[in-house]
Amino acid sequence: MNGSIIKLYPQPAGEQPLKGTYLAHDLRQFTAENRAFVYTNFVASLDGRIAVNRGDTEGMNIPQSITNDRDWWLFQELATQADLIISSGRYLHDWAQGNAQEILQTDDPRFAELCDWRRARGLPPHADIAIVSASLDFPIPDVLTAAGRKVTVFTTANPDPVRVRKIEKKAGQVIIAGNSKSVDGAVMIDHLTGLGYRSIFSSAGPQILYLLIASNMLDRLYITHVSRILGGDTYASIIEGALLKPAVDLVLNSLYLDPTAPDGLNQLFMAYDRV
């Protein structure tokens, strides 16, 4: 991934390669024995859309007008630093239908140097996976457990025992982590910490961001703003849930201008830390 970006904050500002920008954040330095470091990433339009209606179905997906290889490379740099990646049952449905970005494949040659980065640090080739699902009604592709990946599934109270047995037979352990309506973010992260995970990347959507923020479990938010306005009556923003009381404060950690993407426009790469 060639080309430069401009660091705007913190000072001093200056031009630097895109490659290595998020690896240089060295997220694994923030891990602790008593709780994992939890971070997430979104790409959004200027009017805050991270997903829009597909048009042919009731589902939504990330608009092609804001997805781009430069943002995707930085996403992979974040995923590379994780012991575990959080996803969702909804993602597995979309993935099976070909309507989701690829986070499960373990052998993409474009990111071979990121695999080398993990190997040089004594890490497994690929991060383990946690799936959040209330219904437990999702497909279990073979690639989910490829290359020795471990899978942990978090669900709500009183799950369907038939679905529990099916998942545990093919994928991994099912953990009840919440009431009958929602998984509790603190219970989930505490359980994962107990399993030894220290660097956790949530690649899931706005509902899971809500449960992480509402339970005070999110440490850093990465967001790319592409210089496009999309509009649309049906869309998703980065968070979905009840009004947060009190509001959650974040502080800017870093800001970069990418002047060359997509389509000759520009985009901003931003990172925020929990106060």
C-alpha atoms as a PDB file:
ATOM      1  CA  MET A   1       0.000   0.000   0.000  1.00  0.00           C
ATOM      2  CA  ASN A   2       1.950   2.964  -1.336  1.00  0.00           C
ATOM      3  CA  GLY A   3       1.521   6.686  -0.821  1.00  0.00           C
ATOM      4  CA  SER A   4       1.849   9.154   2.002  1.00  0.00           C
ATOM      5  CA  ILE A   5      -0.476  10.780   4.490  1.00  0.00           C
ATOM      6  CA  ILE A   6      -0.040  13.938   6.544  1.00  0.00           C
ATOM      7  CA  LYS A   7      -0.029  13.751  10.315  1.00  0.00           C
ATOM      8  CA  LEU A   8      -1.964  16.749  11.665  1.00  0.00           C
ATOM      9  CA  TYR A   9      -2.100  15.834  15.359  1.00  0.00           C
ATOM     10  CA  PRO A  10      -0.280  15.467  17.657  1.00  0.00           C
ATOM     11  CA  GLN A  11       2.443  17.894  16.760  1.00  0.00           C
ATOM     12  CA  PRO A  12       4.881  18.027  15.129  1.00  0.00           C
ATOM     13  CA  ALA A  13       2.938  17.579  11.899  1.00  0.00           C
ATOM     14  CA  GLY A  14       4.469  16.118   8.784  1.00  0.00           C
ATOM     15  CA  GLU A  15       4.233  13.695   5.890  1.00  0.00           C
ATOM     16  CA  GLN A  16       4.672   9.982   6.493  1.00  0.00           C
ATOM     17  CA  PRO A  17       3.955   6.651   4.741  1.00  0.00           C
ATOM     18  CA  LEU A  18       0.445   5.267   5.066  1.00  0.00           C
ATOM     19  CA  LYS A  19       1.871   1.824   5.714  1.00  0.00           C
ATOM     20  CA  GLY A  20       2.722   1.302   9.341  1.00  0.00           C
ATOM     21  CA  THR A  21       0.682   4.237  10.639  1.00  0.00           C
ATOM     22  CA  TYR A  22      -1.521   2.184  12.966  1.00  0.00           C
ATOM     23  CA  LEU A  23       1.126  -0.437  13.685  1.00  0.00           C
ATOM     24  CA  ALA A  24       3.161   2.439  15.119  1.00  0.00           C
ATOM     25  CA  HIS A  25       0.398   3.016  17.682  1.00  0.00           C
ATOM     26  CA  ASP A  26       1.635  -0.214  19.289  1.00  0.00           C
ATOM     27  CA  LEU A  27      -1.708  -1.039  20.901  1.00  0.00           C
ATOM     28  CA  ARG A  28      -0.352  -4.082  22.682  1.00  0.00           C
ATOM     29  CA  GLN A  29       1.633  -1.806  25.008  1.00  0.00           C
ATOM     30  CA  PHE A  30      -1.650  -0.782  26.678  1.00  0.00           C
ATOM     31  CA  THR A  31      -2.679  -4.264  27.766  1.00  0.00           C
ATOM     32  CA  ALA A  32      -2.863  -5.076  31.469  1.00  0.00           C
ATOM     33  CA  GLU A  33      -3.209  -8.195  33.603  1.00  0.00           C
ATOM     34  CA  ASN A  34      -6.596  -7.210  35.008  1.00  0.00           C
ATOM     35  CA  ARG A  35      -8.344  -6.123  31.785  1.00  0.00           C
ATOM     36  CA  ALA A  36      -7.830  -6.216  28.052  1.00  0.00           C
ATOM     37  CA  PHE A  37      -7.370  -3.146  25.860  1.00  0.00           C
ATOM     38  CA  VAL A  38     -10.475  -2.866  23.640  1.00  0.00           C
ATOM     39  CA  TYR A  39     -10.618  -0.869  20.407  1.00  0.00           C
ATOM     40  CA  THR A  40     -12.800  -0.575  17.321  1.00  0.00           C
ATOM     41  CA  ASN A  41     -12.809   0.961  13.841  1.00  0.00           C
ATOM     42  CA  PHE A  42     -15.390   2.429  11.439  1.00  0.00           C
ATOM     43  CA  VAL A  43     -15.381   4.109   8.035  1.00  0.00           C
ATOM     44  CA  ALA A  44     -18.072   6.755   7.577  1.00  0.00           C
ATOM     45  CA  SER A  45     -19.296   9.404   5.154  1.00  0.00           C
ATOM     46  CA  LEU A  46     -19.313  13.064   6.173  1.00  0.00           C
ATOM     47  CA  ASP A  47     -22.992  12.740   7.081  1.00  0.00           C
ATOM     48  CA  GLY A  48     -22.244   9.840   9.404  1.00  0.00           C
ATOM     49  CA  ARG A  49     -23.342   6.859   7.306  1.00  0.00           C
ATOM     50  CA  ILE A  50     -21.439   3.636   7.921  1.00  0.00           C
ATOM     51  CA  ALA A  51     -24.036   1.442   6.167  1.00  0.00           C
ATOM     52  CA  VAL A  52     -26.981   2.028   3.843  1.00  0.00           C
ATOM     53  CA  ASN A  53     -29.858  -0.041   2.518  1.00  0.00           C
ATOM     54  CA  ARG A  54     -28.800  -2.557  -0.126  1.00  0.00           C
ATOM     55  CA  GLY A  55     -31.865  -1.763  -2.203  1.00  0.00           C
ATOM     56  CA  ASP A  56     -32.746  -5.343  -3.081  1.00  0.00           C
ATOM     57  CA  THR A  57     -33.283  -6.548   0.509  1.00  0.00           C
ATOM     58  CA  GLU A  58     -33.985  -5.215   3.974  1.00  0.00           C
ATOM     59  CA  GLY A  59     -30.319  -5.570   4.902  1.00  0.00           C
ATOM     60  CA  MET A  60     -27.631  -2.915   4.886  1.00  0.00           C
ATOM     61  CA  ASN A  61     -23.995  -2.905   3.883  1.00  0.00           C
ATOM     62  CA  ILE A  62     -21.024  -0.553   3.822  1.00  0.00           C
ATOM     63  CA  PRO A  63     -21.430   1.792   0.834  1.00  0.00           C
ATOM     64  CA  GLN A  64     -18.990   1.121  -1.996  1.00  0.00           C
ATOM     65  CA  SER A  65     -18.663   4.892  -2.359  1.00  0.00           C
ATOM     66  CA  ILE A  66     -16.730   5.109   0.928  1.00  0.00           C
ATOM     67  CA  THR A  67     -14.869   1.787   1.037  1.00  0.00           C
ATOM     68  CA  ASN A  68     -11.312   1.994  -0.246  1.00  0.00           C
ATOM     69  CA  ASP A  69      -8.060   0.052  -0.133  1.00  0.00           C
ATOM     70  CA  ARG A  70      -6.202   2.651   1.925  1.00  0.00           C
ATOM     71  CA  ASP A  71      -8.671   2.573   4.786  1.00  0.00           C
ATOM     72  CA  TRP A  72      -8.844  -1.221   4.489  1.00  0.00           C
ATOM     73  CA  TRP A  73      -5.082  -1.506   4.884  1.00  0.00           C
ATOM     74  CA  LEU A  74      -5.229   0.423   8.159  1.00  0.00           C
ATOM     75  CA  PHE A  75      -8.135  -1.782   9.288  1.00  0.00           C
ATOM     76  CA  GLN A  76      -5.871  -4.777   8.740  1.00  0.00           C
ATOM     77  CA  GLU A  77      -3.094  -3.130  10.767  1.00  0.00           C
ATOM     78  CA  LEU A  78      -5.530  -2.824  13.665  1.00  0.00           C
ATOM     79  CA  ALA A  79      -6.715  -6.420  13.304  1.00  0.00           C
ATOM     80  CA  THR A  80      -3.107  -7.616  13.167  1.00  0.00           C
ATOM     81  CA  GLN A  81      -2.445  -6.288  16.670  1.00  0.00           C
ATOM     82  CA  ALA A  82      -5.351  -8.178  18.256  1.00  0.00           C
ATOM     83  CA  ASP A  83      -5.409 -11.395  20.248  1.00  0.00           C
ATOM     84  CA  LEU A  84      -9.112 -11.628  19.478  1.00  0.00           C
ATOM     85  CA  ILE A  85     -11.582 -10.033  17.052  1.00  0.00           C
ATOM     86  CA  ILE A  86     -15.228  -9.473  18.024  1.00  0.00           C
ATOM     87  CA  SER A  87     -17.809 -10.054  15.315  1.00  0.00           C
ATOM     88  CA  SER A  88     -21.526 -10.869  15.238  1.00  0.00           C
ATOM     89  CA  GLY A  89     -24.041 -13.398  14.054  1.00  0.00           C
ATOM     90  CA  ARG A  90     -25.374 -10.764  11.658  1.00  0.00           C
ATOM     91  CA  TYR A  91     -21.927 -10.464  10.083  1.00  0.00           C
ATOM     92  CA  LEU A  92     -21.793 -14.237   9.495  1.00  0.00           C
ATOM     93  CA  HIS A  93     -25.169 -14.083   7.741  1.00  0.00           C
ATOM     94  CA  ASP A  94     -23.955 -11.247   5.512  1.00  0.00           C
ATOM     95  CA  TRP A  95     -20.620 -12.967   4.916  1.00  0.00           C
ATOM     96  CA  ALA A  96     -22.329 -16.179   3.789  1.00  0.00           C
ATOM     97  CA  GLN A  97     -24.390 -14.149   1.296  1.00  0.00           C
ATOM     98  CA  GLY A  98     -21.372 -12.295  -0.038  1.00  0.00           C
ATOM     99  CA  ASN A  99     -22.524  -8.982   1.428  1.00  0.00           C
ATOM    100  CA  ALA A 100     -19.748  -8.308   3.946  1.00  0.00           C
ATOM    101  CA  GLN A 101     -16.116  -7.253   3.934  1.00  0.00           C
ATOM    102  CA  GLU A 102     -13.722 -10.130   4.477  1.00  0.00           C
ATOM    103  CA  ILE A 103     -12.387 -10.505   8.022  1.00  0.00           C
ATOM    104  CA  LEU A 104     -12.370 -14.309   8.256  1.00  0.00           C
ATOM    105  CA  GLN A 105      -9.953 -15.418   5.543  1.00  0.00           C
ATOM    106  CA  THR A 106      -6.508 -16.266   6.855  1.00  0.00           C
ATOM    107  CA  ASP A 107      -4.404 -16.517   3.698  1.00  0.00           C
ATOM    108  CA  ASP A 108      -4.804 -13.265   1.741  1.00  0.00           C
ATOM    109  CA  PRO A 109      -1.387 -12.663   0.139  1.00  0.00           C
ATOM    110  CA  ARG A 110      -1.934  -8.887   0.150  1.00  0.00           C
ATOM    111  CA  PHE A 111      -1.389  -8.891   3.910  1.00  0.00           C
ATOM    112  CA  ALA A 112       1.463 -11.388   4.130  1.00  0.00           C
ATOM    113  CA  GLU A 113       3.755  -8.811   5.732  1.00  0.00           C
ATOM    114  CA  LEU A 114       1.222  -8.318   8.516  1.00  0.00           C
ATOM    115  CA  CYS A 115       1.314 -12.051   9.190  1.00  0.00           C
ATOM    116  CA  ASP A 116       5.094 -11.681   9.371  1.00  0.00           C
ATOM    117  CA  TRP A 117       4.609  -8.881  11.918  1.00  0.00           C
ATOM    118  CA  ARG A 118       2.648 -11.247  14.157  1.00  0.00           C
ATOM    119  CA  ARG A 119       5.093 -14.078  13.683  1.00  0.00           C
ATOM    120  CA  ALA A 120       8.038 -11.858  14.635  1.00  0.00           C
ATOM    121  CA  ARG A 121       6.309 -11.147  17.955  1.00  0.00           C
ATOM    122  CA  GLY A 122       5.532 -14.750  18.754  1.00  0.00           C
ATOM    123  CA  LEU A 123       1.799 -14.360  18.124  1.00  0.00           C
ATOM    124  CA  PRO A 124      -0.424 -16.991  16.478  1.00  0.00           C
ATOM    125  CA  PRO A 125      -0.867 -16.455  12.726  1.00  0.00           C
ATOM    126  CA  HIS A 126      -4.391 -15.108  13.202  1.00  0.00           C
ATOM    127  CA  ALA A 127      -6.464 -13.672  16.014  1.00  0.00           C
ATOM    128  CA  ASP A 128      -9.175 -15.763  17.650  1.00  0.00           C
ATOM    129  CA  ILE A 129     -12.841 -14.848  17.156  1.00  0.00           C
ATOM    130  CA  ALA A 130     -15.708 -13.900  19.489  1.00  0.00           C
ATOM    131  CA  ILE A 131     -19.234 -13.891  18.080  1.00  0.00           C
ATOM    132  CA  VAL A 132     -22.054 -11.910  19.719  1.00  0.00           C
ATOM    133  CA  SER A 133     -25.552 -13.209  18.942  1.00  0.00           C
ATOM    134  CA  ALA A 134     -28.850 -13.171  20.816  1.00  0.00           C
ATOM    135  CA  SER A 135     -30.563 -15.670  18.511  1.00  0.00           C
ATOM    136  CA  LEU A 136     -27.594 -18.012  17.878  1.00  0.00           C
ATOM    137  CA  ASP A 137     -29.081 -18.412  14.420  1.00  0.00           C
ATOM    138  CA  PHE A 138     -26.098 -17.970  12.133  1.00  0.00           C
ATOM    139  CA  PRO A 139     -24.083 -20.107   9.698  1.00  0.00           C
ATOM    140  CA  ILE A 140     -20.793 -21.588  10.886  1.00  0.00           C
ATOM    141  CA  PRO A 141     -18.353 -21.577   7.957  1.00  0.00           C
ATOM    142  CA  ASP A 142     -15.294 -23.807   8.120  1.00  0.00           C
ATOM    143  CA  VAL A 143     -13.067 -20.761   7.746  1.00  0.00           C
ATOM    144  CA  LEU A 144     -14.263 -19.548  11.157  1.00  0.00           C
ATOM    145  CA  THR A 145     -12.037 -22.099  12.856  1.00  0.00           C
ATOM    146  CA  ALA A 146      -9.312 -22.289  10.176  1.00  0.00           C
ATOM    147  CA  ALA A 147      -5.628 -22.235  11.111  1.00  0.00           C
ATOM    148  CA  GLY A 148      -6.342 -23.246  14.692  1.00  0.00           C
ATOM    149  CA  ARG A 149      -8.525 -20.268  15.529  1.00  0.00           C
ATOM    150  CA  LYS A 150     -10.567 -20.537  18.706  1.00  0.00           C
ATOM    151  CA  VAL A 151     -14.164 -19.302  18.762  1.00  0.00           C
ATOM    152  CA  THR A 152     -16.177 -18.053  21.747  1.00  0.00           C
ATOM    153  CA  VAL A 153     -19.853 -17.160  21.326  1.00  0.00           C
ATOM    154  CA  PHE A 154     -21.634 -14.740  23.674  1.00  0.00           C
ATOM    155  CA  THR A 155     -25.395 -14.730  23.953  1.00  0.00           C
ATOM    156  CA  THR A 156     -28.296 -13.600  26.106  1.00  0.00           C
ATOM    157  CA  ALA A 157     -30.078 -15.459  28.901  1.00  0.00           C
ATOM    158  CA  ASN A 158     -32.132 -18.600  28.154  1.00  0.00           C
ATOM    159  CA  PRO A 159     -30.659 -19.467  24.748  1.00  0.00           C
ATOM    160  CA  ASP A 160     -32.116 -22.165  22.495  1.00  0.00           C
ATOM    161  CA  PRO A 161     -30.401 -25.365  23.742  1.00  0.00           C
ATOM    162  CA  VAL A 162     -30.497 -26.990  20.302  1.00  0.00           C
ATOM    163  CA  ARG A 163     -28.609 -24.070  18.773  1.00  0.00           C
ATOM    164  CA  VAL A 164     -26.168 -24.058  21.683  1.00  0.00           C
ATOM    165  CA  ARG A 165     -25.315 -27.726  21.102  1.00  0.00           C
ATOM    166  CA  LYS A 166     -24.923 -27.174  17.356  1.00  0.00           C
ATOM    167  CA  ILE A 167     -22.508 -24.277  17.827  1.00  0.00           C
ATOM    168  CA  GLU A 168     -20.479 -25.959  20.557  1.00  0.00           C
ATOM    169  CA  LYS A 169     -20.146 -29.105  18.444  1.00  0.00           C
ATOM    170  CA  LYS A 170     -18.742 -27.258  15.430  1.00  0.00           C
ATOM    171  CA  ALA A 171     -17.258 -23.958  16.576  1.00  0.00           C
ATOM    172  CA  GLY A 172     -16.671 -23.247  20.247  1.00  0.00           C
ATOM    173  CA  GLN A 173     -18.065 -22.534  23.676  1.00  0.00           C
ATOM    174  CA  VAL A 174     -21.304 -20.581  24.134  1.00  0.00           C
ATOM    175  CA  ILE A 175     -21.288 -18.156  27.089  1.00  0.00           C
ATOM    176  CA  ILE A 176     -24.361 -16.500  28.579  1.00  0.00           C
ATOM    177  CA  ALA A 177     -23.306 -12.914  29.226  1.00  0.00           C
ATOM    178  CA  GLY A 178     -26.321 -10.760  29.957  1.00  0.00           C
ATOM    179  CA  ASN A 179     -30.058 -10.666  30.467  1.00  0.00           C
ATOM    180  CA  SER A 180     -32.770 -11.809  28.064  1.00  0.00           C
ATOM    181  CA  LYS A 181     -32.449  -8.643  25.941  1.00  0.00           C
ATOM    182  CA  SER A 182     -28.762  -7.913  25.514  1.00  0.00           C
ATOM    183  CA  VAL A 183     -25.237  -9.172  26.057  1.00  0.00           C
ATOM    184  CA  ASP A 184     -23.456  -7.213  28.796  1.00  0.00           C
ATOM    185  CA  GLY A 185     -20.224  -5.712  27.494  1.00  0.00           C
ATOM    186  CA  ALA A 186     -18.470  -5.819  30.871  1.00  0.00           C
ATOM    187  CA  VAL A 187     -19.319  -9.488  31.427  1.00  0.00           C
ATOM    188  CA  MET A 188     -18.072 -10.343  27.937  1.00  0.00           C
ATOM    189  CA  ILE A 189     -14.762  -8.468  28.221  1.00  0.00           C
ATOM    190  CA  ASP A 190     -14.149  -9.763  31.754  1.00  0.00           C
ATOM    191  CA  HIS A 191     -14.677 -13.320  30.514  1.00  0.00           C
ATOM    192  CA  LEU A 192     -12.313 -12.816  27.580  1.00  0.00           C
ATOM    193  CA  THR A 193      -9.720 -11.302  29.903  1.00  0.00           C
ATOM    194  CA  GLY A 194     -10.046 -14.388  32.085  1.00  0.00           C
ATOM    195  CA  LEU A 195      -9.308 -16.523  29.027  1.00  0.00           C
ATOM    196  CA  GLY A 196      -6.043 -14.655  28.562  1.00  0.00           C
ATOM    197  CA  TYR A 197      -6.959 -12.200  25.783  1.00  0.00           C
ATOM    198  CA  ARG A 198      -5.342  -8.805  26.277  1.00  0.00           C
ATOM    199  CA  SER A 199      -5.772  -6.986  22.948  1.00  0.00           C
ATOM    200  CA  ILE A 200      -9.348  -7.079  21.630  1.00  0.00           C
ATOM    201  CA  PHE A 201     -10.499  -5.531  18.348  1.00  0.00           C
ATOM    202  CA  SER A 202     -14.232  -5.098  17.758  1.00  0.00           C
ATOM    203  CA  SER A 203     -14.921  -5.245  14.030  1.00  0.00           C
ATOM    204  CA  ALA A 204     -18.665  -5.461  14.673  1.00  0.00           C
ATOM    205  CA  GLY A 205     -21.352  -2.852  14.135  1.00  0.00           C
ATOM    206  CA  PRO A 206     -23.187  -0.090  15.987  1.00  0.00           C
ATOM    207  CA  GLN A 207     -25.121  -2.283  18.431  1.00  0.00           C
ATOM    208  CA  ILE A 208     -21.973  -3.928  19.741  1.00  0.00           C
ATOM    209  CA  LEU A 209     -20.233  -0.556  19.963  1.00  0.00           C
ATOM    210  CA  TYR A 210     -23.134   0.534  22.154  1.00  0.00           C
ATOM    211  CA  LEU A 211     -22.782  -2.367  24.577  1.00  0.00           C
ATOM    212  CA  LEU A 212     -19.014  -1.747  24.816  1.00  0.00           C
ATOM    213  CA  ILE A 213     -19.372   1.993  25.406  1.00  0.00           C
ATOM    214  CA  ALA A 214     -22.358   1.705  27.751  1.00  0.00           C
ATOM    215  CA  SER A 215     -20.416  -0.713  29.959  1.00  0.00           C
ATOM    216  CA  ASN A 216     -17.270   1.472  29.876  1.00  0.00           C
ATOM    217  CA  MET A 217     -15.281  -1.230  28.102  1.00  0.00           C
ATOM    218  CA  LEU A 218     -14.125   0.650  24.987  1.00  0.00           C
ATOM    219  CA  ASP A 219     -10.646   2.169  25.222  1.00  0.00           C
ATOM    220  CA  ARG A 220     -10.076   3.576  21.732  1.00  0.00           C
ATOM    221  CA  LEU A 221     -12.249   4.456  18.736  1.00  0.00           C
ATOM    222  CA  TYR A 222     -10.730   4.632  15.251  1.00  0.00           C
ATOM    223  CA  ILE A 223     -12.823   6.270  12.547  1.00  0.00           C
ATOM    224  CA  THR A 224     -12.171   7.184   8.916  1.00  0.00           C
ATOM    225  CA  HIS A 225     -14.225  10.059   7.480  1.00  0.00           C
ATOM    226  CA  VAL A 226     -14.430   9.982   3.687  1.00  0.00           C
ATOM    227  CA  SER A 227     -15.195  13.358   2.068  1.00  0.00           C
ATOM    228  CA  ARG A 228     -18.558  12.350   0.640  1.00  0.00           C
ATOM    229  CA  ILE A 229     -22.154  13.023   1.664  1.00  0.00           C
ATOM    230  CA  LEU A 230     -24.512  10.110   0.981  1.00  0.00           C
ATOM    231  CA  GLY A 231     -27.938  10.973   2.362  1.00  0.00           C
ATOM    232  CA  GLY A 232     -30.579   8.250   2.426  1.00  0.00           C
ATOM    233  CA  ASP A 233     -33.503   7.577   4.736  1.00  0.00           C
ATOM    234  CA  THR A 234     -32.323   4.138   5.879  1.00  0.00           C
ATOM    235  CA  TYR A 235     -28.801   3.992   7.245  1.00  0.00           C
ATOM    236  CA  ALA A 236     -26.653   3.067  10.224  1.00  0.00           C
ATOM    237  CA  SER A 237     -24.291   5.323  12.144  1.00  0.00           C
ATOM    238  CA  ILE A 238     -21.429   4.172  14.377  1.00  0.00           C
ATOM    239  CA  ILE A 239     -23.632   3.550  17.424  1.00  0.00           C
ATOM    240  CA  GLU A 240     -27.166   2.270  17.908  1.00  0.00           C
ATOM    241  CA  GLY A 241     -28.982   2.156  21.232  1.00  0.00           C
ATOM    242  CA  ALA A 242     -30.680   4.183  23.930  1.00  0.00           C
ATOM    243  CA  LEU A 243     -29.505   7.662  24.878  1.00  0.00           C
ATOM    244  CA  LEU A 244     -26.314   7.425  26.888  1.00  0.00           C
ATOM    245  CA  LYS A 245     -26.719   9.018  30.309  1.00  0.00           C
ATOM    246  CA  PRO A 246     -24.324  10.588  30.935  1.00  0.00           C
ATOM    247  CA  ALA A 247     -22.816  11.153  27.533  1.00  0.00           C
ATOM    248  CA  VAL A 248     -19.473   9.404  26.995  1.00  0.00           C
ATOM    249  CA  ASP A 249     -16.479  11.714  26.530  1.00  0.00           C
ATOM    250  CA  LEU A 250     -13.557  10.919  24.237  1.00  0.00           C
ATOM    251  CA  VAL A 251     -10.359  12.846  23.578  1.00  0.00           C
ATOM    252  CA  LEU A 252      -8.524  13.072  20.250  1.00  0.00           C
ATOM    253  CA  ASN A 253      -5.476  10.805  20.141  1.00  0.00           C
ATOM    254  CA  SER A 254      -4.334  11.317  16.550  1.00  0.00           C
ATOM    255  CA  LEU A 255      -5.439  12.834  13.239  1.00  0.00           C
ATOM    256  CA  TYR A 256      -4.126  12.207   9.713  1.00  0.00           C
ATOM    257  CA  LEU A 257      -5.093  13.621   6.330  1.00  0.00           C
ATOM    258  CA  ASP A 258      -5.032  11.239   3.368  1.00  0.00           C
ATOM    259  CA  PRO A 259      -5.045  13.545   0.318  1.00  0.00           C
ATOM    260  CA  THR A 260      -5.256  10.863  -2.386  1.00  0.00           C
ATOM    261  CA  ALA A 261      -8.236   8.623  -1.718  1.00  0.00           C
ATOM    262  CA  PRO A 262     -10.795   7.710  -2.787  1.00  0.00           C
ATOM    263  CA  ASP A 263     -11.197   8.865  -6.389  1.00  0.00           C
ATOM    264  CA  GLY A 264      -8.907  11.835  -5.930  1.00  0.00           C
ATOM    265  CA  LEU A 265     -10.816  13.121  -2.891  1.00  0.00           C
ATOM    266  CA  ASN A 266      -9.425  12.971   0.612  1.00  0.00           C
ATOM    267  CA  GLN A 267     -10.245  11.318   3.908  1.00  0.00           C
ATOM    268  CA  LEU A 268      -9.352  11.763   7.549  1.00  0.00           C
ATOM    269  CA  PHE A 269      -8.047   9.006   9.800  1.00  0.00           C
ATOM    270  CA  MET A 270      -8.890   9.756  13.438  1.00  0.00           C
ATOM    271  CA  ALA A 271      -8.393   8.003  16.751  1.00  0.00           C
ATOM    272  CA  TYR A 272     -10.078   8.894  20.050  1.00  0.00           C
ATOM    273  CA  ASP A 273      -9.363   7.657  23.562  1.00  0.00           C
ATOM    274  CA  ARG A 274     -11.811   7.194  26.403  1.00  0.00           C
ATOM    275  CA  VAL A 275     -11.398   9.932  28.991  1.00  0.00           C
END
